[in-house]
Amino acid sequence: MRVRVASEEDECLWQDFVEAHPDACNYHRWKWKQVIERSFGWPAYYLLAEENGRFAGILPLVLQKSWMFGRFLTSLPFFNYGGVLAENDSIEKALVQEAITLARQLGADYIELRHRSEHPLGLREKTNKVAVELVVEPDEEKMLKSLRKQTRNLVRKALKVGLRAEICGQAALNDFYRVFAQNMRDLGTPVYSKSFLQEIWQGFPANTYLCLVRHEDEVIAASFMSGFRHRLEVIWGSSLRKYLSMAPNMLLYWRMLRFAAEKGFEVFDFGRSTAGSGAHRFKLQWSSQEIQLHWHYWLSQGNQLPELSPINPKFRMAIWTWRHLPLVITNVLGPRIVRCLP
């Protein structure tokens, strides 16, 4: 067996391995490499293990650096999942060992591997992140009845006040981005560039969807979704705060759940959250279940586990300041900052 950095000529065989492996997730697909490199300019090191002339394991990694957070390799930054994917534990360990060798060569401070399950890698681990998902009920009436009474009432409230939800294609990307950018500013978080979202659409045109909620002619809530195999994931969901009393976010998620059923998806993935956060509680009200995430770390000598969460007290002043900046400024500065965050 040997482990090496994949080249562009390996794309087809890499993708064949992903399609055949039962534990592969959306972000193991090769085209995410192109999306990230084109959008952010960061180098991607896609490691592959070969055994007896065939692919036996993969580990996608992206190198980022900033004056504040140092240099680090992540699998996969900007998204919820990634990590090592292999035929057995020994191949997993060989891939991770090669990643450590690469990290030392690149002068990286740490490696972060975002796994949906436990992996016996002998690495430090954080378990404060959870995913939330719901098995999709194909029958709309049964799906509605399976929800808690309060959740059903909030969905009906949004409908009674005249909100409308629709599934849209790429032509509605500007509508999504207006809501997304404002919501991110209000949360105190730098926003991604619109070109990043366009790159995702270009890479996965058949698997990318938008959902919009309108009040009269104004879009007041929106989401960006990605599908892979039997799973539909909402990557980003946003709503305008001044309309929250109308429950647009409830109608948004209800329409996405119905869309998942219409398209034949079996699982709706609400995405990751910090356990116990407001976002976590919102996702659990849909009669969903949480999945413990396992983020594994290799640390160079003397480094501590990274704490880049918005709840970290040392970021409190920066978040407060960002929330009070004009939107025109955060839309310009946000993409320059967020490219340095994993």
Protein backbone atom coordinates (compact mmCIF):
# COMPACT_ATOMS: atom_id res chain seq x y z
CA MET A 1 0.00 0.00 0.00
CA ARG A 2 1.14 3.55 -0.69
CA VAL A 3 -0.35 6.95 0.12
CA ARG A 4 0.15 9.96 -2.15
CA VAL A 5 -1.37 13.32 -3.08
CA ALA A 6 -3.95 12.87 -5.83
CA SER A 7 -3.59 14.68 -9.16
CA GLU A 8 -6.27 15.93 -11.53
CA GLU A 9 -5.92 12.67 -13.48
CA ASP A 10 -7.26 10.80 -10.44
CA GLU A 11 -10.63 12.59 -10.42
CA CYS A 12 -12.68 9.84 -12.07
CA LEU A 13 -11.24 7.01 -9.96
CA TRP A 14 -11.58 9.15 -6.82
CA GLN A 15 -15.24 9.75 -7.60
CA ASP A 16 -15.79 6.05 -8.35
CA PHE A 17 -14.41 5.21 -4.90
CA VAL A 18 -16.74 7.76 -3.25
CA GLU A 19 -19.77 6.46 -5.11
CA ALA A 20 -19.01 2.88 -4.09
CA HIS A 21 -18.21 3.48 -0.41
CA PRO A 22 -21.28 3.21 1.87
CA ASP A 23 -19.96 5.78 4.37
CA ALA A 24 -19.07 8.50 1.85
CA CYS A 25 -20.63 11.90 2.46
CA ASN A 26 -21.36 14.79 0.15
CA TYR A 27 -18.05 16.52 0.90
CA HIS A 28 -15.89 13.58 -0.13
CA ARG A 29 -16.79 14.30 -3.74
CA TRP A 30 -13.91 15.56 -5.88
CA LYS A 31 -15.59 18.69 -7.18
CA TRP A 32 -15.57 20.30 -3.73
CA LYS A 33 -11.80 20.57 -4.26
CA GLN A 34 -12.39 22.70 -7.35
CA VAL A 35 -15.09 24.76 -5.62
CA ILE A 36 -12.79 25.66 -2.72
CA GLU A 37 -9.69 26.31 -4.81
CA ARG A 38 -11.55 28.56 -7.24
CA SER A 39 -13.52 30.40 -4.56
CA PHE A 40 -10.82 30.98 -1.95
CA GLY A 41 -7.47 30.25 -3.58
CA TRP A 42 -6.43 27.86 -0.81
CA PRO A 43 -4.43 24.77 -1.91
CA ALA A 44 -6.18 21.42 -1.51
CA TYR A 45 -4.20 18.27 -0.79
CA TYR A 46 -6.34 15.26 -1.59
CA LEU A 47 -4.61 12.18 -0.18
CA LEU A 48 -5.36 8.73 -1.55
CA ALA A 49 -4.26 5.27 -0.52
CA GLU A 50 -3.61 2.65 -3.18
CA GLU A 51 -3.43 -1.04 -2.48
CA ASN A 52 -2.71 -3.66 -5.15
CA GLY A 53 -3.25 -1.07 -7.87
CA ARG A 54 -6.65 0.19 -6.70
CA PHE A 55 -7.99 2.96 -4.49
CA ALA A 56 -8.46 1.86 -0.87
CA GLY A 57 -8.96 5.15 0.96
CA ILE A 58 -9.09 8.93 0.63
CA LEU A 59 -8.62 12.01 2.81
CA PRO A 60 -9.40 15.48 1.37
CA LEU A 61 -7.53 18.33 3.06
CA VAL A 62 -7.40 22.10 2.54
CA LEU A 63 -4.63 24.35 3.85
CA GLN A 64 -5.63 27.75 5.24
CA LYS A 65 -3.61 30.40 7.00
CA SER A 66 -4.18 33.73 8.74
CA TRP A 67 -2.26 36.04 11.03
CA MET A 68 -4.78 35.39 13.82
CA PHE A 69 -5.39 31.64 13.60
CA GLY A 70 -2.13 30.36 12.12
CA ARG A 71 -1.82 27.59 9.51
CA PHE A 72 -4.12 24.57 9.56
CA LEU A 73 -5.38 21.68 7.45
CA THR A 74 -9.09 20.87 7.56
CA SER A 75 -11.27 18.14 6.13
CA LEU A 76 -13.35 19.90 5.08
CA PRO A 77 -13.45 23.65 5.80
CA PHE A 78 -16.60 25.78 5.28
CA PHE A 79 -18.82 22.68 5.50
CA ASN A 80 -20.13 20.29 8.13
CA TYR A 81 -18.46 16.99 7.34
CA GLY A 82 -15.47 15.36 5.70
CA GLY A 83 -12.64 13.38 7.22
CA VAL A 84 -10.98 10.12 6.31
CA LEU A 85 -12.78 7.48 4.22
CA ALA A 86 -11.20 4.05 3.84
CA GLU A 87 -11.80 0.34 3.57
CA ASN A 88 -10.42 -0.48 7.03
CA ASP A 89 -8.83 1.01 10.14
CA SER A 90 -5.24 0.38 9.06
CA ILE A 91 -5.74 2.32 5.82
CA GLU A 92 -7.39 5.14 7.78
CA LYS A 93 -4.36 5.36 10.05
CA ALA A 94 -1.97 5.33 7.09
CA LEU A 95 -3.84 8.25 5.51
CA VAL A 96 -3.84 10.21 8.76
CA GLN A 97 -0.13 9.55 9.27
CA GLU A 98 0.56 10.90 5.78
CA ALA A 99 -1.58 13.94 6.62
CA ILE A 100 0.57 14.52 9.73
CA THR A 101 3.73 14.27 7.64
CA LEU A 102 2.24 16.77 5.20
CA ALA A 103 1.24 19.12 8.04
CA ARG A 104 4.80 19.14 9.35
CA GLN A 105 6.18 19.84 5.88
CA LEU A 106 3.74 22.74 5.46
CA GLY A 107 4.35 24.13 8.94
CA ALA A 108 0.70 23.64 9.97
CA ASP A 109 -0.29 24.16 13.59
CA TYR A 110 -2.99 21.54 13.55
CA ILE A 111 -5.22 19.22 11.49
CA GLU A 112 -8.99 19.13 11.96
CA LEU A 113 -10.95 16.10 10.69
CA ARG A 114 -14.75 16.47 10.75
CA HIS A 115 -16.25 13.01 11.16
CA ARG A 116 -19.86 11.90 11.53
CA SER A 117 -18.81 8.84 13.54
CA GLU A 118 -16.05 7.60 15.82
CA HIS A 119 -12.70 6.68 14.29
CA PRO A 120 -9.96 4.84 16.25
CA LEU A 121 -7.18 7.20 15.19
CA GLY A 122 -5.51 7.91 18.52
CA LEU A 123 -6.06 11.66 18.10
CA ARG A 124 -7.47 14.37 20.36
CA GLU A 125 -11.21 14.75 19.96
CA LYS A 126 -13.98 17.32 20.44
CA THR A 127 -17.63 16.27 20.78
CA ASN A 128 -19.39 19.59 21.34
CA LYS A 129 -20.87 19.57 17.83
CA VAL A 130 -23.96 17.61 16.83
CA ALA A 131 -25.81 17.09 13.59
CA VAL A 132 -29.61 17.03 13.57
CA GLU A 133 -31.55 14.98 11.06
CA LEU A 134 -35.04 13.70 10.39
CA VAL A 135 -36.24 10.62 8.52
CA VAL A 136 -38.46 11.96 5.75
CA GLU A 137 -42.09 10.84 5.73
CA PRO A 138 -43.31 10.67 2.09
CA ASP A 139 -46.93 11.37 3.05
CA GLU A 140 -47.43 15.09 3.76
CA GLU A 141 -50.33 14.59 6.20
CA LYS A 142 -48.43 11.97 8.17
CA MET A 143 -45.38 14.21 8.22
CA LEU A 144 -47.42 17.11 9.60
CA LYS A 145 -49.05 14.92 12.26
CA SER A 146 -45.64 13.62 13.36
CA LEU A 147 -44.57 17.12 14.38
CA ARG A 148 -45.15 18.56 17.82
CA LYS A 149 -48.38 20.53 18.25
CA GLN A 150 -46.53 23.79 18.82
CA THR A 151 -44.45 23.26 15.67
CA ARG A 152 -47.56 22.55 13.59
CA ASN A 153 -49.23 25.67 14.96
CA LEU A 154 -46.27 27.86 14.02
CA VAL A 155 -46.27 26.49 10.48
CA ARG A 156 -50.01 27.23 10.23
CA LYS A 157 -49.44 30.69 11.67
CA ALA A 158 -47.01 31.52 8.86
CA LEU A 159 -49.54 30.35 6.29
CA LYS A 160 -52.39 32.30 7.88
CA VAL A 161 -50.51 35.60 7.71
CA GLY A 162 -50.05 35.07 3.99
CA LEU A 163 -46.44 33.90 3.70
CA ARG A 164 -45.59 31.84 0.62
CA ALA A 165 -42.72 29.36 0.21
CA GLU A 166 -41.26 28.13 -3.05
CA ILE A 167 -38.40 25.99 -4.32
CA CYS A 168 -36.19 27.88 -6.77
CA GLY A 169 -33.20 27.44 -9.04
CA GLN A 170 -30.06 29.45 -9.60
CA ALA A 171 -31.98 32.43 -10.99
CA ALA A 172 -33.09 33.21 -7.41
CA LEU A 173 -29.54 33.30 -6.01
CA ASN A 174 -29.58 37.10 -5.62
CA ASP A 175 -32.79 36.87 -3.55
CA PHE A 176 -31.20 34.26 -1.31
CA TYR A 177 -27.99 36.24 -0.92
CA ARG A 178 -29.75 39.44 0.19
CA VAL A 179 -31.36 37.61 3.11
CA PHE A 180 -28.27 35.52 3.82
CA ALA A 181 -25.90 38.50 3.94
CA GLN A 182 -28.15 40.51 6.26
CA ASN A 183 -28.74 37.58 8.59
CA MET A 184 -25.03 36.81 8.84
CA ARG A 185 -24.29 40.46 9.67
CA ASP A 186 -26.98 40.40 12.37
CA LEU A 187 -25.38 37.27 13.85
CA GLY A 188 -21.99 38.98 13.90
CA THR A 189 -20.51 36.56 11.37
CA PRO A 190 -18.67 37.44 8.12
CA VAL A 191 -20.58 36.39 5.01
CA TYR A 192 -19.31 34.28 2.11
CA SER A 193 -19.03 35.83 -1.32
CA LYS A 194 -21.79 35.27 -3.84
CA SER A 195 -19.20 33.84 -6.23
CA PHE A 196 -18.61 30.98 -3.76
CA LEU A 197 -22.28 30.02 -4.00
CA GLN A 198 -22.12 30.28 -7.78
CA GLU A 199 -19.13 27.91 -7.82
CA ILE A 200 -21.12 25.37 -5.80
CA TRP A 201 -23.94 25.60 -8.31
CA GLN A 202 -21.53 25.19 -11.20
CA GLY A 203 -19.96 22.14 -9.58
CA PHE A 204 -23.25 20.46 -8.58
CA PRO A 205 -26.01 21.83 -10.82
CA ALA A 206 -28.25 18.79 -10.40
CA ASN A 207 -27.92 18.64 -6.60
CA THR A 208 -28.29 22.27 -5.50
CA TYR A 209 -31.56 23.96 -4.55
CA LEU A 210 -32.94 27.14 -3.00
CA CYS A 211 -36.04 27.69 -0.92
CA LEU A 212 -37.51 31.18 -0.51
CA VAL A 213 -40.27 32.53 1.73
CA ARG A 214 -42.04 35.69 0.60
CA HIS A 215 -44.14 38.25 2.40
CA GLU A 216 -46.05 39.94 -0.40
CA ASP A 217 -43.19 40.63 -2.87
CA GLU A 218 -40.30 40.62 -0.40
CA VAL A 219 -38.12 37.58 0.31
CA ILE A 220 -37.86 37.37 4.09
CA ALA A 221 -36.37 33.88 4.60
CA ALA A 222 -34.23 31.66 2.40
CA SER A 223 -32.15 28.50 2.42
CA PHE A 224 -29.41 26.87 0.34
CA MET A 225 -29.62 23.08 0.02
CA SER A 226 -27.42 20.30 -1.33
CA GLY A 227 -28.42 16.71 -2.04
CA PHE A 228 -26.30 13.55 -2.08
CA ARG A 229 -27.60 10.01 -2.31
CA HIS A 230 -30.60 9.70 0.01
CA ARG A 231 -29.80 12.83 2.04
CA LEU A 232 -30.88 16.46 1.56
CA GLU A 233 -28.86 18.93 3.64
CA VAL A 234 -29.63 22.55 4.33
CA ILE A 235 -26.21 24.18 4.29
CA TRP A 236 -27.38 27.70 5.11
CA GLY A 237 -30.77 28.94 6.27
CA SER A 238 -31.58 32.57 7.08
CA SER A 239 -34.50 34.83 7.91
CA LEU A 240 -34.89 38.56 8.48
CA ARG A 241 -35.26 39.42 12.14
CA LYS A 242 -37.96 42.05 11.76
CA TYR A 243 -40.32 39.39 10.39
CA LEU A 244 -39.65 36.67 12.97
CA SER A 245 -43.05 37.21 14.62
CA MET A 246 -44.60 35.86 11.40
CA ALA A 247 -42.63 32.57 11.77
CA PRO A 248 -41.07 32.60 8.27
CA ASN A 249 -38.33 30.20 9.36
CA MET A 250 -41.00 27.63 10.32
CA LEU A 251 -42.58 27.79 6.87
CA LEU A 252 -39.11 27.67 5.31
CA TYR A 253 -38.23 24.38 6.98
CA TRP A 254 -41.65 22.89 6.44
CA ARG A 255 -41.38 23.58 2.70
CA MET A 256 -37.91 22.03 2.62
CA LEU A 257 -39.19 18.92 4.35
CA ARG A 258 -41.99 18.62 1.82
CA PHE A 259 -39.50 19.14 -1.01
CA ALA A 260 -37.29 16.37 0.39
CA ALA A 261 -40.27 14.02 0.27
CA GLU A 262 -41.22 15.12 -3.24
CA LYS A 263 -37.68 14.45 -4.51
CA GLY A 264 -37.48 11.04 -2.87
CA PHE A 265 -34.86 11.88 -0.25
CA GLU A 266 -34.98 9.65 2.82
CA VAL A 267 -33.18 11.89 5.34
CA PHE A 268 -33.36 15.64 5.88
CA ASP A 269 -30.14 16.99 7.40
CA PHE A 270 -30.56 20.22 9.39
CA GLY A 271 -26.77 20.62 9.56
CA ARG A 272 -24.47 20.93 12.54
CA SER A 273 -24.89 22.97 15.70
CA THR A 274 -23.15 23.50 18.98
CA ALA A 275 -24.94 21.30 21.50
CA GLY A 276 -27.37 23.32 23.62
CA SER A 277 -27.36 26.40 21.38
CA GLY A 278 -30.48 28.18 20.14
CA ALA A 279 -29.97 26.76 16.65
CA HIS A 280 -29.73 23.28 18.14
CA ARG A 281 -33.03 23.70 20.02
CA PHE A 282 -34.75 25.06 16.89
CA LYS A 283 -33.77 21.97 14.90
CA LEU A 284 -34.88 19.54 17.60
CA GLN A 285 -38.45 20.91 17.63
CA TRP A 286 -39.08 19.12 14.30
CA SER A 287 -39.25 15.71 16.01
CA SER A 288 -35.73 15.14 14.73
CA GLN A 289 -32.79 13.33 16.29
CA GLU A 290 -29.26 14.42 16.97
CA ILE A 291 -26.13 12.66 15.75
CA GLN A 292 -22.95 13.06 17.78
CA LEU A 293 -20.14 14.46 15.65
CA HIS A 294 -16.51 13.56 16.27
CA TRP A 295 -13.93 16.16 15.31
CA HIS A 296 -10.41 14.75 15.54
CA TYR A 297 -7.23 16.81 15.89
CA TRP A 298 -3.54 16.44 15.41
CA LEU A 299 -1.65 19.28 17.11
CA SER A 300 1.91 20.35 16.46
CA GLN A 301 4.10 20.52 19.55
CA GLY A 302 2.91 23.07 22.10
CA ASN A 303 -0.39 23.92 20.39
CA GLN A 304 -3.79 23.71 22.08
CA LEU A 305 -7.13 22.64 20.62
CA PRO A 306 -8.52 25.50 18.50
CA GLU A 307 -11.55 27.37 19.86
CA LEU A 308 -12.93 29.33 16.91
CA SER A 309 -16.58 29.14 17.98
CA PRO A 310 -18.61 32.38 18.16
CA ILE A 311 -19.35 31.54 21.80
CA ASN A 312 -15.65 31.93 22.64
CA PRO A 313 -15.55 35.00 24.98
CA LYS A 314 -12.48 36.47 23.28
CA PHE A 315 -14.51 37.04 20.09
CA ARG A 316 -17.39 38.80 21.90
CA MET A 317 -16.31 42.37 21.12
CA ALA A 318 -15.57 41.57 17.46
CA ILE A 319 -19.01 40.00 17.05
CA TRP A 320 -20.74 42.98 18.69
CA THR A 321 -18.88 45.41 16.46
CA TRP A 322 -19.69 43.42 13.31
CA ARG A 323 -23.41 43.42 14.12
CA HIS A 324 -23.41 47.21 14.17
CA LEU A 325 -21.57 47.81 10.89
CA PRO A 326 -23.50 48.92 7.78
CA LEU A 327 -24.43 46.05 5.49
CA VAL A 328 -22.55 47.58 2.56
CA ILE A 329 -19.33 47.32 4.59
CA THR A 330 -19.85 43.78 5.90
CA ASN A 331 -20.67 42.56 2.38
CA VAL A 332 -17.31 43.85 1.17
CA LEU A 333 -15.16 42.86 4.14
CA GLY A 334 -16.93 39.61 5.02
CA PRO A 335 -15.63 37.44 2.16
CA ARG A 336 -12.05 38.57 2.82
CA ILE A 337 -12.29 37.52 6.46
CA VAL A 338 -14.34 34.34 6.20
CA ARG A 339 -11.92 32.74 3.73
CA CYS A 340 -9.49 32.45 6.66
CA LEU A 341 -12.03 30.69 8.90
CA PRO A 342 -12.58 26.94 8.69
